[in-house]
Each structure stands twice: as structure tokens, then as C-alpha cells.
Amino acid sequence: MSPASVAEDGVTNLTYAVTLSPMVPTATTVNIATSGTAVSGNDYTGAVSTLTIPANTASATITINPTTDTTVEPDETVILTVT
């Protein structure tokens, strides 16, 4: 994941890589569950419920886009669980 944290400015995004080891010859779909204190659609966009890693490819990425707002609030978290 890069970067590990960002300002809620709508400029810098969080990119998560989901990697298969070893790489497989067929497309693989994984389920993605989101949790944490940030709210999808309010604090960020880009969350997906599934991610497909193409055949003969080691990884695919998910990008979380923090949403700009003017509300003063404590740090929030986004947790992605891959199954």
C-alpha cells in the first residue's frame, strides 16, 4: 500500500495491490470487504466488492480516493479484507 496515510484533500490517493503467489494461468476473482471508521461514499470513493486479477498476471490494484470536505474530524481508517 502506498502511501500508508493521506490528508483528506482529494489529491493523494491510496493504492492497494492484491498479489497472487504463484501467478496462475486463469483469471482469479477475489472478494473485497471494507471496514474501518471512514465511510464509503462520504469519506472516500473507489471501494469495490470484487477484484479480478487477469490470467498470467501476478497482481491487480485498488485505488481509494479520499473525499475533500471541510469538516474537522479525527483520523479515520479504511480497512480492506481480501478473501
N, C-alpha and C. Protein backbone atom coordinates (compact mmCIF):
# COMPACT_ATOMS: atom_id res chain seq x y z
N MET A 1 0.86 -1.16 0.00
CA MET A 1 0.00 0.00 0.00
C MET A 1 0.90 1.22 0.00
N SER A 2 0.55 2.16 -0.82
CA SER A 2 1.36 3.36 -0.88
C SER A 2 0.48 4.55 -1.22
N PRO A 3 0.57 5.63 -0.48
CA PRO A 3 1.18 5.77 0.85
C PRO A 3 0.30 5.14 1.93
N ALA A 4 0.84 5.03 3.14
CA ALA A 4 0.10 4.41 4.24
C ALA A 4 -0.99 5.33 4.78
N SER A 5 -0.79 6.63 4.67
CA SER A 5 -1.82 7.58 5.12
C SER A 5 -1.79 8.80 4.20
N VAL A 6 -2.91 9.49 4.13
CA VAL A 6 -3.02 10.69 3.29
C VAL A 6 -3.89 11.72 3.99
N ALA A 7 -3.73 12.97 3.57
CA ALA A 7 -4.62 14.03 4.04
C ALA A 7 -5.93 13.89 3.28
N GLU A 8 -7.00 14.29 3.92
CA GLU A 8 -8.32 14.22 3.28
C GLU A 8 -8.49 15.45 2.39
N ASP A 9 -7.62 15.52 1.36
CA ASP A 9 -7.61 16.68 0.48
C ASP A 9 -8.09 16.38 -0.93
N GLY A 10 -8.39 15.12 -1.21
CA GLY A 10 -8.85 14.75 -2.53
C GLY A 10 -7.77 14.73 -3.59
N VAL A 11 -6.51 14.95 -3.19
CA VAL A 11 -5.40 14.99 -4.14
C VAL A 11 -4.62 13.68 -4.15
N THR A 12 -4.25 13.19 -2.99
CA THR A 12 -3.44 11.97 -2.88
C THR A 12 -4.35 10.78 -2.62
N ASN A 13 -4.13 9.71 -3.36
CA ASN A 13 -4.94 8.50 -3.22
C ASN A 13 -4.17 7.39 -2.53
N LEU A 14 -4.88 6.38 -2.07
CA LEU A 14 -4.28 5.17 -1.50
C LEU A 14 -4.40 4.07 -2.54
N THR A 15 -3.29 3.39 -2.83
CA THR A 15 -3.30 2.31 -3.80
C THR A 15 -2.90 1.02 -3.11
N TYR A 16 -3.78 0.02 -3.20
CA TYR A 16 -3.53 -1.29 -2.61
C TYR A 16 -3.29 -2.28 -3.74
N ALA A 17 -2.25 -3.11 -3.63
CA ALA A 17 -2.00 -4.17 -4.61
C ALA A 17 -2.41 -5.50 -4.00
N VAL A 18 -3.16 -6.29 -4.75
CA VAL A 18 -3.52 -7.65 -4.35
C VAL A 18 -2.69 -8.56 -5.26
N THR A 19 -1.85 -9.40 -4.64
CA THR A 19 -0.89 -10.20 -5.39
C THR A 19 -1.11 -11.69 -5.19
N LEU A 20 -1.04 -12.44 -6.28
CA LEU A 20 -1.11 -13.90 -6.24
C LEU A 20 0.30 -14.47 -6.26
N SER A 21 0.55 -15.47 -5.46
CA SER A 21 1.84 -16.14 -5.49
C SER A 21 1.61 -17.63 -5.29
N PRO A 22 1.85 -18.43 -6.30
CA PRO A 22 2.38 -18.06 -7.62
C PRO A 22 1.27 -17.53 -8.53
N MET A 23 1.70 -16.91 -9.63
CA MET A 23 0.78 -16.44 -10.66
C MET A 23 0.06 -17.65 -11.26
N VAL A 24 -1.20 -17.49 -11.65
CA VAL A 24 -1.97 -18.61 -12.20
C VAL A 24 -2.39 -18.32 -13.64
N PRO A 25 -2.64 -19.38 -14.44
CA PRO A 25 -2.94 -19.19 -15.86
C PRO A 25 -4.39 -18.79 -16.16
N THR A 26 -5.22 -18.66 -15.14
CA THR A 26 -6.61 -18.25 -15.35
C THR A 26 -6.91 -17.00 -14.52
N ALA A 27 -7.90 -16.24 -14.96
CA ALA A 27 -8.31 -15.06 -14.20
C ALA A 27 -8.82 -15.50 -12.83
N THR A 28 -8.49 -14.72 -11.82
CA THR A 28 -8.89 -15.04 -10.45
C THR A 28 -9.64 -13.85 -9.86
N THR A 29 -10.84 -14.08 -9.35
CA THR A 29 -11.62 -13.02 -8.73
C THR A 29 -11.60 -13.20 -7.23
N VAL A 30 -11.30 -12.12 -6.51
CA VAL A 30 -11.30 -12.15 -5.05
C VAL A 30 -12.37 -11.20 -4.54
N ASN A 31 -12.88 -11.48 -3.36
CA ASN A 31 -13.87 -10.61 -2.71
C ASN A 31 -13.15 -9.59 -1.85
N ILE A 32 -13.64 -8.36 -1.86
CA ILE A 32 -13.06 -7.28 -1.07
C ILE A 32 -14.15 -6.74 -0.14
N ALA A 33 -13.88 -6.77 1.15
CA ALA A 33 -14.80 -6.18 2.14
C ALA A 33 -14.13 -4.94 2.73
N THR A 34 -14.88 -3.87 2.90
CA THR A 34 -14.34 -2.66 3.51
C THR A 34 -14.89 -2.49 4.92
N SER A 35 -14.05 -1.96 5.78
CA SER A 35 -14.46 -1.63 7.14
C SER A 35 -13.58 -0.46 7.60
N GLY A 36 -13.67 -0.12 8.85
CA GLY A 36 -12.90 0.99 9.39
C GLY A 36 -13.83 2.12 9.80
N THR A 37 -13.24 3.24 10.21
CA THR A 37 -14.04 4.36 10.70
C THR A 37 -14.46 5.32 9.59
N ALA A 38 -13.78 5.30 8.44
CA ALA A 38 -14.19 6.13 7.30
C ALA A 38 -15.39 5.48 6.62
N VAL A 39 -16.24 6.30 6.03
CA VAL A 39 -17.48 5.81 5.41
C VAL A 39 -17.37 5.94 3.89
N SER A 40 -17.55 4.81 3.19
CA SER A 40 -17.52 4.80 1.73
C SER A 40 -18.62 5.70 1.18
N GLY A 41 -18.28 6.51 0.19
CA GLY A 41 -19.25 7.43 -0.40
C GLY A 41 -19.30 8.77 0.30
N ASN A 42 -18.85 8.82 1.55
CA ASN A 42 -18.81 10.07 2.31
C ASN A 42 -17.37 10.54 2.50
N ASP A 43 -16.51 9.64 3.00
CA ASP A 43 -15.11 9.97 3.26
C ASP A 43 -14.18 9.55 2.13
N TYR A 44 -14.60 8.60 1.31
CA TYR A 44 -13.77 8.13 0.20
C TYR A 44 -14.63 7.47 -0.87
N THR A 45 -14.07 7.35 -2.06
CA THR A 45 -14.70 6.61 -3.15
C THR A 45 -13.68 5.62 -3.70
N GLY A 46 -14.14 4.72 -4.54
CA GLY A 46 -13.23 3.78 -5.18
C GLY A 46 -13.29 2.38 -4.63
N ALA A 47 -14.02 2.17 -3.55
CA ALA A 47 -14.11 0.83 -2.97
C ALA A 47 -14.86 -0.10 -3.92
N VAL A 48 -14.38 -1.30 -4.05
CA VAL A 48 -15.03 -2.32 -4.89
C VAL A 48 -15.33 -3.54 -4.04
N SER A 49 -16.29 -4.35 -4.47
CA SER A 49 -16.62 -5.56 -3.71
C SER A 49 -15.91 -6.79 -4.26
N THR A 50 -15.46 -6.71 -5.52
CA THR A 50 -14.65 -7.79 -6.10
C THR A 50 -13.53 -7.18 -6.92
N LEU A 51 -12.48 -7.96 -7.10
CA LEU A 51 -11.34 -7.55 -7.92
C LEU A 51 -10.90 -8.76 -8.71
N THR A 52 -10.73 -8.59 -10.02
CA THR A 52 -10.28 -9.70 -10.86
C THR A 52 -8.83 -9.48 -11.24
N ILE A 53 -8.01 -10.48 -10.94
CA ILE A 53 -6.61 -10.48 -11.35
C ILE A 53 -6.56 -11.26 -12.66
N PRO A 54 -6.16 -10.61 -13.76
CA PRO A 54 -6.18 -11.29 -15.06
C PRO A 54 -5.27 -12.52 -15.11
N ALA A 55 -5.57 -13.41 -16.05
CA ALA A 55 -4.76 -14.61 -16.26
C ALA A 55 -3.31 -14.23 -16.51
N ASN A 56 -2.40 -15.04 -15.98
CA ASN A 56 -0.95 -14.84 -16.17
C ASN A 56 -0.45 -13.48 -15.71
N THR A 57 -1.14 -12.92 -14.72
CA THR A 57 -0.75 -11.65 -14.13
C THR A 57 -0.64 -11.86 -12.62
N ALA A 58 0.39 -11.28 -12.02
CA ALA A 58 0.63 -11.52 -10.60
C ALA A 58 -0.25 -10.68 -9.69
N SER A 59 -0.70 -9.49 -10.14
CA SER A 59 -1.44 -8.64 -9.22
C SER A 59 -2.39 -7.69 -9.95
N ALA A 60 -3.25 -7.07 -9.16
CA ALA A 60 -4.15 -6.01 -9.61
C ALA A 60 -4.24 -5.01 -8.47
N THR A 61 -4.66 -3.79 -8.77
CA THR A 61 -4.69 -2.75 -7.74
C THR A 61 -6.09 -2.19 -7.52
N ILE A 62 -6.26 -1.67 -6.32
CA ILE A 62 -7.48 -0.96 -5.92
C ILE A 62 -7.03 0.43 -5.50
N THR A 63 -7.70 1.46 -5.96
CA THR A 63 -7.36 2.82 -5.57
C THR A 63 -8.51 3.42 -4.76
N ILE A 64 -8.18 3.89 -3.57
CA ILE A 64 -9.15 4.55 -2.70
C ILE A 64 -8.89 6.06 -2.80
N ASN A 65 -9.93 6.81 -3.10
CA ASN A 65 -9.82 8.26 -3.30
C ASN A 65 -10.46 9.00 -2.13
N PRO A 66 -9.67 9.60 -1.24
CA PRO A 66 -10.25 10.38 -0.14
C PRO A 66 -11.08 11.54 -0.70
N THR A 67 -12.21 11.80 -0.07
CA THR A 67 -13.12 12.87 -0.49
C THR A 67 -12.81 14.14 0.29
N THR A 68 -12.68 15.24 -0.43
CA THR A 68 -12.40 16.52 0.21
C THR A 68 -13.64 17.02 0.94
N ASP A 69 -13.44 17.45 2.18
CA ASP A 69 -14.51 18.14 2.91
C ASP A 69 -13.88 19.12 3.87
N THR A 70 -14.69 19.96 4.48
CA THR A 70 -14.18 20.97 5.40
C THR A 70 -14.49 20.64 6.85
N THR A 71 -15.01 19.44 7.10
CA THR A 71 -15.36 19.03 8.45
C THR A 71 -14.09 18.66 9.22
N VAL A 72 -13.91 19.24 10.40
CA VAL A 72 -12.78 18.88 11.25
C VAL A 72 -13.15 17.61 11.98
N GLU A 73 -12.33 16.56 11.81
CA GLU A 73 -12.62 15.27 12.43
C GLU A 73 -11.31 14.55 12.72
N PRO A 74 -11.32 13.58 13.62
CA PRO A 74 -10.09 12.84 13.92
C PRO A 74 -9.71 11.95 12.73
N ASP A 75 -8.49 11.38 12.80
CA ASP A 75 -8.06 10.44 11.77
C ASP A 75 -9.07 9.32 11.61
N GLU A 76 -9.24 8.87 10.37
CA GLU A 76 -10.17 7.77 10.08
C GLU A 76 -9.40 6.66 9.37
N THR A 77 -9.96 5.46 9.41
CA THR A 77 -9.29 4.32 8.79
C THR A 77 -10.15 3.69 7.71
N VAL A 78 -9.47 3.09 6.73
CA VAL A 78 -10.12 2.26 5.72
C VAL A 78 -9.39 0.92 5.77
N ILE A 79 -10.13 -0.14 6.01
CA ILE A 79 -9.55 -1.49 6.08
C ILE A 79 -10.15 -2.32 4.96
N LEU A 80 -9.29 -2.92 4.14
CA LEU A 80 -9.74 -3.81 3.08
C LEU A 80 -9.40 -5.23 3.47
N THR A 81 -10.38 -6.12 3.42
CA THR A 81 -10.17 -7.53 3.72
C THR A 81 -10.40 -8.32 2.45
N VAL A 82 -9.38 -9.09 2.04
CA VAL A 82 -9.43 -9.86 0.80
C VAL A 82 -9.70 -11.32 1.14
N THR A 83 -10.71 -11.92 0.49
CA THR A 83 -10.99 -13.34 0.69
C THR A 83 -11.15 -14.02 -0.66
